[in-house]
Every structure is written in structure tokens, then in C-alpha cells.
Protein backbone atom coordinates (compact mmCIF):
# COMPACT_ATOMS: atom_id res chain seq x y z
CA MET A 1 -17.61 -5.30 9.55
CA SER A 2 -18.57 -4.08 6.08
CA LEU A 3 -19.08 -0.59 7.56
CA TYR A 4 -15.33 -0.18 8.08
CA TYR A 5 -14.39 -1.66 4.71
CA ASP A 6 -16.87 0.70 3.02
CA ALA A 7 -15.59 3.72 4.94
CA ALA A 8 -11.83 3.11 4.74
CA PRO A 9 -11.30 4.05 1.04
CA LEU A 10 -13.07 7.38 1.62
CA LEU A 11 -10.25 8.47 3.94
CA LEU A 12 -7.70 8.08 1.15
CA PRO A 13 -7.03 10.48 -1.75
CA ASN A 14 -8.25 9.32 -5.14
CA PRO A 15 -7.18 11.57 -8.03
CA ASP A 16 -10.01 10.30 -10.20
CA GLN A 17 -12.85 11.08 -7.77
CA THR A 18 -14.51 14.46 -7.52
CA GLY A 19 -17.40 15.88 -5.56
CA SER A 20 -18.11 16.21 -1.88
CA LEU A 21 -17.85 13.37 0.61
CA LYS A 22 -21.63 13.33 0.95
CA SER A 23 -22.21 13.01 -2.80
CA ARG A 24 -19.60 10.25 -3.11
CA VAL A 25 -21.17 8.26 -0.26
CA PHE A 26 -24.83 8.67 -1.15
CA ASN A 27 -24.36 8.26 -4.92
CA SER A 28 -22.25 5.12 -4.65
CA LYS A 29 -23.89 1.80 -5.46
CA GLY A 30 -21.09 -0.42 -4.23
CA HIS A 31 -21.51 -0.04 -0.47
CA LYS A 32 -23.06 -2.74 1.70
CA SER A 33 -23.64 -0.49 4.74
CA PRO A 34 -26.24 2.30 4.98
CA PRO A 35 -24.87 5.55 3.51
CA LYS A 36 -25.83 7.53 6.62
CA GLN A 37 -23.65 5.29 8.82
CA ILE A 38 -20.71 5.49 6.42
CA PHE A 39 -20.94 9.28 6.15
CA ALA A 40 -21.22 9.73 9.92
CA LEU A 41 -18.27 7.45 10.66
CA VAL A 42 -15.95 9.04 8.06
CA SER A 43 -16.91 12.57 9.12
CA GLU A 44 -16.35 11.94 12.82
CA ALA A 45 -13.18 9.91 12.33
CA SER A 46 -11.69 12.68 10.16
CA LYS A 47 -12.42 15.27 12.88
CA TRP A 48 -10.68 13.15 15.49
CA SER A 49 -7.88 11.95 13.20
CA PRO A 50 -5.09 14.28 14.47
CA VAL A 51 -5.64 13.05 18.04
CA LEU A 52 -6.34 9.40 17.20
CA SER A 53 -3.38 9.14 14.82
CA GLU A 54 -1.12 10.28 17.64
CA VAL A 55 -2.74 7.72 19.95
CA ILE A 56 -2.24 4.92 17.40
CA GLU A 57 1.36 5.89 16.69
CA LYS A 58 2.38 6.14 20.36
CA SER A 59 0.67 2.84 21.20
CA GLN A 60 2.51 1.22 18.25
CA LEU A 61 -0.72 -0.47 17.20
CA LEU A 62 0.30 -0.76 13.55
CA GLN A 63 3.52 -2.56 14.49
CA LEU A 64 1.78 -4.96 16.84
CA GLU A 65 -1.16 -5.67 14.50
CA ARG A 66 0.28 -5.73 10.99
CA LYS A 67 -3.03 -6.81 9.48
CA LEU A 68 -4.40 -3.31 10.20
CA SER A 69 -4.05 -0.59 7.59
CA PRO A 70 -3.83 3.05 8.75
CA THR A 71 -7.39 3.72 7.57
CA LEU A 72 -8.93 0.70 9.29
CA ALA A 73 -6.96 1.41 12.46
CA LEU A 74 -8.27 4.98 12.58
CA LEU A 75 -11.90 3.91 12.11
CA LEU A 76 -11.77 1.01 14.56
CA VAL A 77 -9.97 2.98 17.27
CA HIS A 78 -12.49 5.82 16.85
CA ASP A 79 -15.40 3.51 17.58
CA LEU A 80 -13.55 1.64 20.33
CA LEU A 81 -12.64 4.76 22.30
CA LEU A 82 -15.32 7.29 21.45
CA THR A 83 -18.65 5.52 20.86
CA LYS A 84 -20.95 3.79 23.32
CA ARG A 85 -21.54 0.82 21.03
CA GLY A 86 -17.83 0.15 20.46
CA VAL A 87 -16.64 -1.64 17.35
CA SER A 88 -19.52 -2.66 15.06
CA ALA A 89 -18.38 -6.20 14.38
CA PRO A 90 -18.89 -9.68 15.81
CA SER A 91 -16.99 -10.19 19.06
CA SER A 92 -14.81 -12.88 17.46
CA HIS A 93 -13.90 -10.91 14.34
CA PRO A 94 -10.08 -10.73 13.93
CA LEU A 95 -10.00 -6.97 13.31
CA ARG A 96 -12.16 -6.23 16.32
CA LEU A 97 -9.90 -8.40 18.46
CA ALA A 98 -6.86 -6.66 16.97
CA VAL A 99 -7.84 -3.34 18.54
CA GLU A 100 -9.65 -4.55 21.65
CA ARG A 101 -6.64 -6.41 23.02
CA HIS A 102 -4.82 -3.05 23.13
CA LYS A 103 -7.74 -1.14 24.64
CA ALA A 104 -5.98 -0.27 27.89
CA ARG A 105 -2.90 1.10 26.12
CA LEU A 106 -5.04 3.06 23.64
CA HIS A 107 -7.10 4.58 26.46
CA ALA A 108 -3.92 5.54 28.28
CA GLU A 109 -2.49 7.27 25.20
CA LEU A 110 -5.77 9.12 24.66
CA THR A 111 -5.62 10.37 28.24
CA LYS A 112 -2.03 11.54 27.73
CA ALA A 113 -3.02 13.34 24.52
CA ARG A 114 -5.86 15.10 26.36
CA LEU A 115 -3.58 16.16 29.22
CA ARG A 116 -0.99 17.51 26.81
CA LYS A 117 -3.72 19.83 25.55
CA GLY A 118 -4.49 20.92 29.11
CA LEU A 119 -8.06 19.61 29.02
CA PRO A 120 -9.74 18.14 32.13
CA SER A 121 -12.00 15.57 30.44
CA ILE A 122 -12.93 13.79 27.21
CA LYS A 123 -16.02 15.99 27.13
CA ALA A 124 -13.79 19.06 27.02
CA LEU A 125 -11.64 17.50 24.28
CA ARG A 126 -14.75 16.69 22.27
CA ALA A 127 -15.97 20.28 22.65
CA GLN A 128 -12.63 21.62 21.44
CA ILE A 129 -12.64 19.37 18.36
CA GLU A 130 -16.25 20.29 17.51
CA ALA A 131 -15.43 23.98 17.88
CA THR A 132 -12.41 23.57 15.60
CA HIS A 133 -14.47 21.95 12.84
CA GLY A 134 -17.72 23.79 13.36
CA GLY A 135 -17.12 26.66 10.97
CA GLU A 136 -14.78 25.18 8.44
CA GLU A 137 -17.17 24.54 5.58
CA GLN A 138 -15.82 26.32 2.54
CA THR A 139 -17.08 26.88 -0.96
CA HIS A 140 -15.63 28.37 -4.08
CA SER A 141 -15.69 32.15 -4.01
CA GLU A 142 -19.07 33.30 -5.26
CA SER A 143 -17.42 36.38 -6.68
CA ALA A 144 -15.76 34.16 -9.28
CA THR A 145 -19.00 32.57 -10.46
CA ALA A 146 -21.79 35.00 -9.72
CA ILE A 147 -23.71 35.17 -13.02
CA GLY A 148 -22.77 34.53 -16.66
CA LEU A 149 -19.18 35.24 -17.66
CA GLU A 150 -17.20 36.60 -14.72
CA THR A 151 -13.92 38.32 -14.04
CA GLU A 152 -10.57 36.57 -13.62
CA ALA A 153 -10.43 34.36 -10.53
CA ARG A 154 -7.50 34.55 -8.17
CA LEU A 155 -5.09 31.62 -7.74
CA GLY A 156 -6.84 28.73 -6.01
CA GLU A 157 -10.37 30.03 -6.68
CA TRP A 158 -11.05 28.53 -10.08
CA PRO A 159 -13.70 25.79 -10.04
CA HIS A 160 -12.51 22.32 -10.97
CA PRO A 161 -14.12 21.00 -14.17
CA ARG A 162 -15.54 17.54 -14.70
CA TRP A 163 -12.99 15.76 -16.89
CA VAL A 164 -14.14 12.92 -19.15
CA ARG A 165 -11.90 10.65 -21.20
CA VAL A 166 -13.52 9.03 -24.22
CA ASN A 167 -12.68 5.32 -24.03
CA THR A 168 -11.49 4.60 -27.56
CA ILE A 169 -11.63 0.86 -26.94
CA LYS A 170 -15.41 1.14 -27.18
CA SER A 171 -16.09 4.49 -28.83
CA ASN A 172 -14.43 7.59 -30.29
CA LEU A 173 -14.58 11.34 -29.82
CA ASP A 174 -16.74 12.10 -32.85
CA GLU A 175 -19.30 9.48 -31.85
CA GLN A 176 -19.57 10.86 -28.31
CA LEU A 177 -19.97 14.43 -29.56
CA ARG A 178 -22.80 13.22 -31.84
CA THR A 179 -24.56 11.22 -29.10
CA THR A 180 -23.81 11.80 -25.42
CA PHE A 181 -22.89 15.46 -25.91
CA ALA A 182 -25.13 16.24 -28.88
CA ARG A 183 -26.98 18.97 -26.98
CA TYR A 184 -23.84 20.50 -25.50
CA LYS A 185 -22.33 23.74 -26.77
CA ILE A 186 -18.64 23.35 -27.62
CA ILE A 187 -16.54 26.03 -25.90
CA GLU A 188 -13.12 26.65 -27.45
CA SER A 189 -11.56 28.07 -24.28
CA LEU A 190 -11.45 26.19 -20.99
CA VAL A 191 -11.15 29.51 -19.14
CA GLU A 192 -14.33 30.74 -20.79
CA MET A 193 -16.19 27.63 -19.67
CA LEU A 194 -14.87 27.90 -16.10
CA ARG A 195 -16.07 31.51 -15.89
CA TYR A 196 -19.67 30.48 -16.47
CA SER A 197 -21.96 30.42 -13.47
CA GLN A 198 -22.26 27.02 -11.84
CA SER A 199 -26.00 27.70 -11.65
CA SER A 200 -26.26 28.15 -15.42
CA THR A 201 -28.48 25.58 -17.14
CA GLU A 202 -26.58 25.78 -20.43
CA LYS A 203 -24.75 22.56 -21.27
CA LEU A 204 -21.11 23.18 -22.18
CA VAL A 205 -18.21 21.02 -23.29
CA HIS A 206 -14.58 21.81 -24.05
CA ILE A 207 -12.28 19.62 -26.15
CA ASP A 208 -8.90 19.51 -24.43
CA LYS A 209 -5.90 20.92 -26.28
CA HIS A 210 -3.25 18.73 -24.64
CA VAL A 211 -4.56 15.16 -24.26
CA PRO A 212 -6.38 13.43 -27.14
CA ASN A 213 -9.97 12.25 -26.54
CA LEU A 214 -10.35 14.29 -23.35
CA LEU A 215 -13.30 16.56 -22.59
CA ALA A 216 -14.01 19.13 -19.88
CA LEU A 217 -17.48 19.96 -18.59
CA PRO A 218 -18.79 22.28 -15.87
CA PRO A 219 -18.11 21.01 -12.30
CA ALA A 220 -21.71 20.12 -11.46
CA THR A 221 -22.22 17.96 -14.56
CA ASP A 222 -23.48 14.50 -13.61
CA LEU A 223 -22.84 11.78 -16.18
CA SER A 224 -23.18 8.81 -13.83
CA LYS A 225 -26.61 7.83 -15.19
CA THR A 226 -25.81 8.19 -18.90
CA SER A 227 -25.58 5.08 -21.05
CA ALA A 228 -22.12 6.17 -22.22
CA TYR A 229 -20.81 6.04 -18.64
CA LEU A 230 -22.67 2.89 -17.65
CA ASP A 231 -21.46 1.09 -20.80
CA GLY A 232 -17.85 2.19 -20.38
CA HIS A 233 -17.75 4.46 -23.44
CA ILE A 234 -16.58 7.36 -21.30
CA ILE A 235 -14.41 7.33 -18.16
CA LEU A 236 -14.30 10.00 -15.47
CA GLN A 237 -10.61 10.79 -15.12
CA ASP A 238 -8.84 13.99 -14.13
CA LYS A 239 -6.79 15.64 -16.86
CA ALA A 240 -3.52 15.43 -14.92
CA SER A 241 -4.14 11.73 -14.30
CA CYS A 242 -4.08 11.24 -18.10
CA PHE A 243 -0.57 12.69 -18.44
CA PRO A 244 1.49 9.60 -17.45
CA ALA A 245 0.06 7.20 -20.06
CA TYR A 246 0.04 9.89 -22.77
CA LEU A 247 3.65 10.88 -22.01
CA LEU A 248 4.73 7.22 -21.94
CA GLY A 249 3.09 6.66 -25.34
CA PRO A 250 3.57 2.87 -25.63
CA ASN A 251 3.51 1.39 -29.12
CA SER A 252 3.82 -2.02 -30.74
CA ARG A 253 7.57 -1.59 -31.30
CA ASP A 254 8.35 -1.13 -27.60
CA GLY A 255 7.57 -4.59 -26.28
CA ASP A 256 5.25 -5.22 -23.36
CA CYS A 257 4.10 -2.52 -20.94
CA LEU A 258 3.88 -2.57 -17.13
CA ASP A 259 1.70 -0.45 -14.83
CA ALA A 260 3.58 -1.03 -11.58
CA CYS A 261 1.03 0.31 -9.06
CA ALA A 262 -2.15 -0.13 -11.04
CA ALA A 263 -5.24 0.29 -8.81
CA PRO A 264 -7.76 1.77 -9.23
CA GLY A 265 -7.02 1.23 -12.93
CA ASN A 266 -7.73 4.37 -14.96
CA LYS A 267 -4.13 4.67 -16.13
CA ALA A 268 -4.07 0.99 -17.12
CA THR A 269 -7.23 1.43 -19.21
CA HIS A 270 -5.71 4.55 -20.78
CA LEU A 271 -2.63 2.53 -21.77
CA ALA A 272 -4.95 -0.08 -23.29
CA ALA A 273 -6.81 2.58 -25.26
CA ILE A 274 -3.56 4.02 -26.64
CA LEU A 275 -2.41 0.60 -27.85
CA HIS A 276 -5.89 -0.18 -29.18
CA ASP A 277 -5.78 2.98 -31.30
CA GLU A 278 -2.65 1.63 -32.98
CA GLY A 279 -4.56 -1.38 -34.32
CA ARG A 280 -2.67 -4.41 -35.59
CA ALA A 281 -3.94 -6.79 -32.91
CA ALA A 282 -1.48 -9.50 -33.91
CA ALA A 283 1.48 -7.25 -33.05
CA ARG A 284 -0.12 -5.60 -30.02
CA PRO A 285 2.05 -5.91 -26.90
CA LYS A 286 0.74 -7.08 -23.55
CA ILE A 287 0.00 -4.72 -20.65
CA TYR A 288 0.68 -6.06 -17.17
CA ALA A 289 -0.95 -4.36 -14.18
CA CYS A 290 0.55 -5.11 -10.75
CA GLU A 291 -1.47 -4.55 -7.59
CA ARG A 292 -0.23 -6.16 -4.39
CA ASP A 293 -3.31 -5.22 -2.32
CA LYS A 294 -6.01 -7.74 -3.14
CA GLY A 295 -8.82 -5.43 -2.03
CA ARG A 296 -7.69 -2.67 -4.37
CA ALA A 297 -7.11 -5.27 -7.07
CA LEU A 298 -10.85 -6.01 -7.09
CA THR A 299 -11.46 -2.37 -8.04
CA LEU A 300 -8.86 -2.73 -10.78
CA LEU A 301 -10.53 -5.83 -12.20
CA THR A 302 -13.96 -4.17 -12.12
CA LEU A 303 -12.70 -1.11 -13.98
CA LEU A 304 -10.87 -3.18 -16.59
CA GLN A 305 -14.07 -5.12 -17.27
CA ALA A 306 -16.18 -1.96 -17.50
CA ALA A 307 -13.74 -0.35 -19.93
CA GLY A 308 -13.50 -3.45 -22.13
CA ALA A 309 -9.77 -3.59 -21.41
CA GLN A 310 -9.66 -7.14 -20.03
CA ASN A 311 -8.34 -8.44 -23.37
CA TYR A 312 -5.48 -5.93 -23.31
CA VAL A 313 -4.45 -5.88 -19.66
CA ILE A 314 -3.20 -8.85 -17.64
CA ALA A 315 -3.93 -8.06 -14.00
CA LYS A 316 -1.35 -9.47 -11.58
CA VAL A 317 -3.43 -9.62 -8.41
CA GLY A 318 -1.30 -9.68 -5.27
CA GLN A 319 1.92 -8.98 -7.21
CA ASP A 320 4.30 -6.63 -5.43
CA PHE A 321 6.28 -4.69 -8.05
CA LEU A 322 9.40 -4.68 -5.89
CA ARG A 323 9.31 -8.47 -5.79
CA THR A 324 9.35 -8.87 -9.56
CA ASP A 325 12.56 -10.28 -11.02
CA PRO A 326 13.32 -8.20 -14.15
CA ALA A 327 15.41 -11.00 -15.66
CA LYS A 328 12.60 -13.59 -15.57
CA ALA A 329 9.47 -14.00 -17.68
CA PRO A 330 7.23 -12.17 -18.21
CA TRP A 331 9.12 -9.16 -16.87
CA ASP A 332 12.12 -9.64 -19.15
CA CYS A 333 10.02 -8.47 -22.12
CA ILE A 334 8.84 -5.21 -20.54
CA GLY A 335 9.73 -2.23 -22.73
CA THR A 336 7.76 0.58 -21.07
CA LEU A 337 6.82 1.15 -17.43
CA LEU A 338 4.33 3.48 -15.77
CA LEU A 339 5.09 4.23 -12.12
CA ASP A 340 2.46 6.10 -10.09
CA PRO A 341 3.39 5.11 -6.53
CA SER A 342 1.96 5.94 -3.13
CA CYS A 343 2.42 9.60 -2.28
CA SER A 344 1.31 12.32 0.11
CA GLY A 345 -1.73 13.17 -2.02
CA SER A 346 -1.12 16.86 -1.33
CA GLY A 347 -2.20 17.85 -4.84
CA ILE A 348 -5.62 16.25 -4.81
CA ILE A 349 -8.69 18.45 -4.98
CA GLY A 350 -12.39 17.72 -5.26
CA ARG A 351 -12.63 16.11 -1.84
CA ASP A 352 -15.06 17.43 0.73
CA GLU A 353 -13.54 20.73 1.89
CA THR A 354 -14.34 19.89 5.52
CA LEU A 355 -12.67 16.47 5.33
CA SER A 356 -9.11 16.87 6.51
CA VAL A 357 -7.64 13.53 7.50
CA VAL A 358 -4.42 12.77 9.36
CA LEU A 359 -3.69 9.06 9.11
CA PRO A 360 -1.39 7.23 11.52
CA SER A 361 2.02 6.42 10.13
CA LYS A 362 3.91 3.26 10.88
CA GLU A 363 7.14 5.12 10.15
CA ALA A 364 6.32 7.70 12.82
CA SER A 365 5.71 4.90 15.31
CA ASP A 366 9.02 3.31 14.42
CA LEU A 367 10.74 6.61 15.05
CA LEU A 368 9.12 6.94 18.47
CA LYS A 369 10.31 3.45 19.34
CA LEU A 370 13.88 3.97 18.12
CA GLN A 371 14.61 7.55 19.13
CA PRO A 372 16.39 8.33 22.41
CA ARG A 373 14.21 10.34 24.77
CA LYS A 374 16.52 13.35 24.90
CA ARG A 375 17.59 13.46 21.30
CA LYS A 376 15.11 13.39 18.45
CA ARG A 377 16.16 11.92 15.14
CA ILE A 378 14.47 11.53 11.80
CA PRO A 379 15.27 8.98 9.12
CA THR A 380 17.77 9.92 6.46
CA ALA A 381 17.38 9.44 2.74
CA GLU A 382 19.54 6.35 2.99
CA THR A 383 17.11 4.63 5.36
CA THR A 384 16.13 1.26 3.98
CA LEU A 385 12.38 0.70 3.96
CA ASP A 386 10.53 -2.53 3.62
CA ALA A 387 8.45 -2.50 0.46
CA HIS A 388 5.28 -2.80 2.51
CA ASP A 389 5.99 0.07 4.89
CA VAL A 390 4.37 2.60 2.56
CA ILE A 391 1.40 1.11 0.76
CA GLU A 392 -1.26 3.80 0.77
CA ASP A 393 -1.55 7.37 -0.46
CA VAL A 394 -1.73 9.26 2.82
CA PRO A 395 -2.71 12.93 2.74
CA ILE A 396 -0.30 14.95 4.84
CA ASN A 397 -1.67 17.62 7.14
CA GLU A 398 0.57 20.64 6.61
CA ASP A 399 -0.26 21.84 10.12
CA LYS A 400 1.61 18.89 11.60
CA PRO A 401 4.91 19.71 13.31
CA SER A 402 7.53 20.28 10.63
CA GLU A 403 9.70 17.45 11.94
CA GLN A 404 6.89 14.92 11.57
CA LEU A 405 6.05 16.22 8.09
CA SER A 406 9.70 15.99 7.10
CA ALA A 407 9.94 12.43 8.41
CA ARG A 408 6.87 11.39 6.46
CA LEU A 409 8.14 12.94 3.23
CA ILE A 410 11.52 11.26 3.66
CA ALA A 411 9.83 7.89 4.16
CA LEU A 412 7.62 8.34 1.10
CA SER A 413 10.35 9.67 -1.19
CA THR A 414 12.74 6.90 -0.16
CA PHE A 415 10.11 4.34 -1.10
CA GLN A 416 9.34 6.14 -4.37
CA LEU A 417 13.01 6.26 -5.31
CA LYS A 418 13.32 2.55 -4.53
CA LEU A 419 10.51 1.80 -6.99
CA LEU A 420 12.04 3.97 -9.70
CA LEU A 421 15.50 2.44 -9.33
CA HIS A 422 13.94 -1.03 -9.51
CA ALA A 423 12.28 -0.02 -12.79
CA PHE A 424 15.71 0.91 -14.18
CA HIS A 425 16.73 -2.76 -13.81
CA PHE A 426 14.33 -4.10 -16.46
CA PRO A 427 16.63 -5.24 -19.27
CA LYS A 428 14.48 -4.34 -22.29
CA ALA A 429 12.92 -1.20 -20.82
CA ARG A 430 13.33 1.90 -22.97
CA ARG A 431 10.88 4.41 -21.46
CA ILE A 432 9.48 5.03 -17.97
CA THR A 433 7.11 7.62 -16.56
CA TYR A 434 7.16 8.53 -12.88
CA SER A 435 4.23 10.49 -11.44
CA THR A 436 2.67 11.59 -8.14
CA CYS A 437 -0.36 13.61 -7.09
CA SER A 438 1.94 15.55 -4.75
CA LEU A 439 3.02 19.19 -4.62
CA TYR A 440 6.18 18.52 -2.60
CA ALA A 441 9.58 18.70 -4.31
CA GLU A 442 10.78 15.90 -2.02
CA GLU A 443 8.50 13.46 -3.86
CA ASN A 444 9.02 14.99 -7.29
CA GLU A 445 12.16 16.80 -8.50
CA HIS A 446 14.25 15.39 -5.65
CA VAL A 447 13.35 11.80 -6.59
CA VAL A 448 14.08 12.52 -10.26
CA MET A 449 17.50 14.02 -9.52
CA LYS A 450 18.54 11.21 -7.18
CA ALA A 451 17.42 8.63 -9.73
CA LEU A 452 19.39 10.27 -12.55
CA GLU A 453 22.53 10.48 -10.41
CA SER A 454 22.28 6.84 -9.32
CA SER A 455 24.83 4.31 -10.53
CA ILE A 456 22.12 2.16 -12.12
CA ALA A 457 20.85 5.07 -14.24
CA GLN A 458 24.31 6.10 -15.37
CA GLY A 459 25.46 2.53 -15.95
CA ARG A 460 22.46 1.59 -18.09
CA GLY A 461 22.04 4.84 -19.98
CA TRP A 462 18.87 6.21 -18.35
CA GLN A 463 18.31 9.91 -18.99
CA ILE A 464 15.49 12.40 -18.59
CA LEU A 465 12.98 12.54 -21.45
CA ARG A 466 13.65 16.09 -22.60
CA ARG A 467 10.82 18.49 -23.33
CA GLU A 468 11.52 18.58 -27.06
CA GLU A 469 11.28 14.77 -27.17
CA GLN A 470 7.88 14.62 -25.49
CA SER A 471 4.51 14.06 -27.15
CA SER A 472 3.08 17.25 -28.65
CA GLY A 473 0.53 17.95 -25.94
CA MET A 474 3.04 17.44 -23.14
CA LYS A 475 5.67 19.52 -24.93
CA ALA A 476 3.14 22.37 -25.16
CA TRP A 477 2.21 22.22 -21.45
CA LYS A 478 3.60 25.41 -19.91
CA ILE A 479 3.95 24.56 -16.22
CA ARG A 480 7.29 22.81 -15.76
CA GLY A 481 9.42 21.59 -12.89
CA LYS A 482 11.20 23.77 -10.35
CA VAL A 483 14.84 24.39 -11.19
CA ASN A 484 15.66 25.38 -7.59
CA ALA A 485 14.29 22.05 -6.37
CA CYS A 486 16.62 20.25 -8.82
CA MET A 487 19.57 22.30 -7.64
CA ASP A 488 18.78 21.60 -3.96
CA VAL A 489 19.77 17.93 -4.18
CA ALA A 490 22.05 17.80 -7.24
CA LYS A 491 25.48 16.39 -6.52
CA ASP A 492 26.79 16.13 -10.09
CA GLU A 493 27.74 19.62 -11.26
CA GLU A 494 27.75 18.50 -14.90
CA ILE A 495 24.04 17.59 -14.91
CA ASP A 496 21.97 20.30 -16.58
CA LYS A 497 19.44 21.21 -13.88
CA VAL A 498 17.61 23.68 -16.11
CA GLU A 499 17.08 21.04 -18.81
CA ILE A 500 15.84 18.53 -16.22
CA SER A 501 13.41 21.01 -14.66
CA GLU A 502 12.08 21.85 -18.13
CA ALA A 503 11.59 18.14 -18.78
CA CYS A 504 9.50 17.74 -15.63
CA ILE A 505 5.79 18.50 -15.86
CA ARG A 506 3.86 20.06 -13.00
CA CYS A 507 0.16 20.78 -12.54
CA GLU A 508 -1.21 23.21 -9.98
CA LYS A 509 -4.55 22.83 -8.29
CA GLY A 510 -7.22 25.49 -8.27
CA THR A 511 -5.96 27.32 -11.36
CA LYS A 512 -7.46 28.13 -14.75
CA GLU A 513 -5.80 25.01 -16.20
CA GLY A 514 -8.45 23.02 -14.36
CA THR A 515 -6.18 20.28 -12.98
CA GLN A 516 -5.39 18.82 -9.62
CA GLY A 517 -1.86 19.16 -8.27
CA PHE A 518 0.29 16.63 -10.11
CA PHE A 519 3.83 15.84 -11.23
CA VAL A 520 5.16 13.62 -14.01
CA ALA A 521 8.58 13.02 -15.53
CA GLY A 522 9.68 10.68 -18.28
CA PHE A 523 12.90 8.69 -18.55
CA VAL A 524 14.40 7.29 -21.73
CA ARG A 525 17.21 4.80 -22.12
CA GLN A 526 20.04 5.72 -24.44
CA VAL A 527 21.53 2.55 -25.88
CA GLY A 528 23.95 3.93 -28.45
CA SER A 529 27.15 3.96 -26.42
CA PRO A 530 29.49 0.92 -26.59
CA ALA A 531 29.43 0.49 -22.80
CA THR A 532 25.63 0.40 -22.68
CA LYS A 533 25.46 -1.97 -25.66
CA GLN A 534 27.80 -4.39 -23.90
CA LEU A 535 25.65 -4.26 -20.77
CA ILE A 536 22.50 -4.97 -22.79
CA ASP A 537 24.16 -7.96 -24.45
CA GLU A 538 24.98 -9.31 -21.00
CA GLU A 539 21.37 -8.84 -19.92
CA TRP A 540 20.06 -10.93 -22.81
CA GLU A 541 22.17 -13.79 -21.42
CA GLY A 542 20.22 -13.73 -18.19
CA PHE A 543 21.61 -10.85 -16.15
CA SER A 544 19.63 -10.74 -12.90
CA ASP A 545 19.79 -8.71 -9.74
CA SER A 546 16.90 -10.66 -8.16
CA GLY A 547 14.88 -7.48 -7.87
CA SER A 548 17.34 -5.78 -5.56
CA VAL A 549 17.74 -2.03 -5.59
CA PRO A 550 21.00 -0.21 -4.91
């Protein structure tokens, strides 16, 4: 059964992983199954994912077997329906039984899917899928990186650099430049470094201008065997992924800090490094890291240990952020919160270009079950979701029918807004960052606007962290939010949409800035008004909403 557990995370977006699928599988040391089996399973399951996701959704497998995640369901159903050996697990294993007891229904839905495509047999369907994926392998345009310094690349053609954050808990920038990168040539301009040929043997490094202690190196640079990486002195983390902790900027005066959706843990370790740099251990606040999924929590614990952050971060394994009671200890002392919830993952780059995965959605299955046959409906923004309905970053295939894409984005953004509004309830909170690795306005500016117009935000004095109030590197970042996206959902005419869009930070993938697609916005609580001060005084006396969200 380890084959499926090893393969499942590879179907999900991870903003801190780069390189092809093959390199990630064969260079990993944490897998129990043979790399060839893992690579073959993930590759084949991704090819079949549009068909199998439809089969899983229409069979309502995820509703009937709640122990199955979308990734495990896709992998297990692939082997059940499409391989001679079937599921590679003991006959009594619970997950094998979970899919095999629905084998007849799954086969029936696969047959219906084939007939809808007008294909006479599974062999014909297989041939069509192979033909679709046969010529899709893509590489960066060679014209952009032919030899030496090259001409300006077009949008989406810039290579993605290898970003490295110096872990200041264990080291510092000067020390790493003297040791790990002693033989590297420092390049002042990131664009200049990105223009160099990927085949060049010259070692280059660029010191980032926006985020402290962050370095950029050519895409093919491999640091996985260096002592600095193995000892946790450096951490491989995308530049955009560093924005939330840097923008939040926790300090000893703020009270404790909470990373609400912490796995895999790079942002939590970044928070720890920022507080470590402040010194004064006696006054150093605590950092709590919530991760409700116990499997992902193991990754979090491993990364905290490797980074030397275990003395700074208290991992709350199995803790669902939405089930925290802001009025009770230890949550009543939280002063800053970092929210990086599940999202579409549409901004992530660095994954294998041929790996395009469509994962089954429980929400889509619910819609199929609830909709009348002659009248299709999609959930509205007011739809109430269970906190566990959206628990994984699921990359959205933009070729899906627009109605299904819209339904998925509504489900995700509703969940994201629910998390953000819950964060507004923490009585001593003064600053919050909200971020996604998504390009869609529905998950970004729309969530920000709805949060700002909510009664909880207005009643407790939550406002956008304006650009001029942001940390210097974030204030200098030029790519900002979309004012039209803010205007699309704004209901309060008095809210300054231009100011809010300027306060939002966007990153675009495949550009000369060298980032993945990303979005982050900060919120600050204004406590100067008499009404807000009275509310705060009430909160100190034990105000509690039991974790509910309006």
C-alpha cells in the first residue's frame, strides 16, 4: 500500500518543489516503493485523470468512502479499472476494500464515459488518451537561452530560478556566501542571471532585492547534496512563498503567532527565523502551527526539526484551524496569523510539463446528486461548506467545462473566506496575511473584498494593510492586485477599490521576476476608535463565538 501513499503527494501542487516529476521521484530518499513504480503510476494516472475523475464523481465514491482523499481515489481507481494486477495491496486492506466494493458502479461509469466520447472499446479510449499525451512534452524556448547572454524572453518563457532561503536560525547570509557559495559569481541583476545559458558551467548567485536572506541561482543548480542543505542551513523555498511571513513581520510586541494551515512547513520555519533574528529569547513569542491532516503533519515535524525550529514552533498535529476557539487558551494570546489555505494551485510552476492532473471533487459529486436532471445549478457564494470539504490544493484544469470550473472556484473561495473570517475573531490579533498560489481573482481579490465588507471586519476594525504600511521589500514590489477584480464584487461604494488593489500583492509565473504565480494581502486591525476599544474590552472578559463564522 506504500506505493499509493508515496505517489499521492506527487499529484498535488507544492509551491516549494521544483524540477520535473522524474527528478522529484528518483532523487527523493523518503519513498518506500521503487521509484520506477511510483513514476509509472503517477504518469499514467495523470493521463487518465480527466476520465477517472468524472467516473469517481458520478459514482459518488468520495461521499460513500470518506476515508479516501481525491489523490488516493484517483490512484486506486486507476489500478482497479485499468491494470491487470488490480490494486497493489493486501486483499483485506481497508483502502483496497473501499474501492473494490464499488467496482461494478465504477465500471459502469467508465463505460458511460467511453460511450459519451463515441468510442467502441476501452482499447480505443486508451489509444485516444495516449495520442492526446504523446506529443505534449514541452521545454523552455531554446531561443531564450541559446548561448551566453540572450535577448529578452517573451512572457511565460523565462526560466524559473532555484530560490534558496538562508535559514538564520542556524546560519546567516554572509556565512553562506563565504562557504556554500564561495565559488559563485554574484550577479547584481536577476534578469542578467536568467539570460545565461542553462548549459553554462559558470556558477552564479543573485542576492534578492525584496526578501532578506534570499538567494537566486540558475534553474539547474542542485544543492541537495551540500552540507548546508543537509544540515538545514539553507532551505529551498520559492521567492513568492517567502512573501507571507515577511509581510506579516511578527515581532516580540505582537504576542503569539499562528500558522493556520502549516504543512509542509516552510512558512512556519520562516516565521521562526524572523523571530529568531529579533533575539531576546525571554520575550520571544510562541509560534503555533496547525495541521489537521496527520500525514502532512509528519512532513511539518520533519521540516521543523531539520530547520532547528522545533524550539520556536509548537506543532498542533491534527488541529483543525476552524475548530479552534479564539477565546480559549492558547488561541486567546494570538497576535498575528498567517493563512495560506487550500487553493486551485493555478499559479504553481516547476512541475513536470507533461503532468496535468484533474482530481475528483467531492463538491462536484454533491452537485450531481443535488441538481435536478433538467436544470443545472451551481453553488452560490453563500453555500455553507463543511470545514473538511476542501482539504487539499487541487490544480484546476482550465480546459474543464466553464460551469465545473466556476463551481470549483466557488467552493474553494467560500472555504477560504470562511477561514479568513474565522481569523478575524481572534481577540488579540492585530495583523493577518492571506495568501494563495492561485491566479484566479475568485480566490484572491474577491475573497479580500468580501472579507473587508463583512460585519466582523467592520465591527472589529479590520482593514487592508496599505502599500505604504508594508515592509520595505513588499512596498517596492511592483506587481499589485487587479482593481477591476476588486470592483467586480464590491458592494460598499465608499470602499477605496484602488487603494485595496494597490495593497494586494501579485506574482506572475514565467516572467523575469522569477516567481511562481502567487497572491498575498495583509490585514491590520485598527483599535483607536471608541467602538472598537469597547469591543476589545468585552473580549478580554471572555467574549467567545465558539469558532463560528458569520
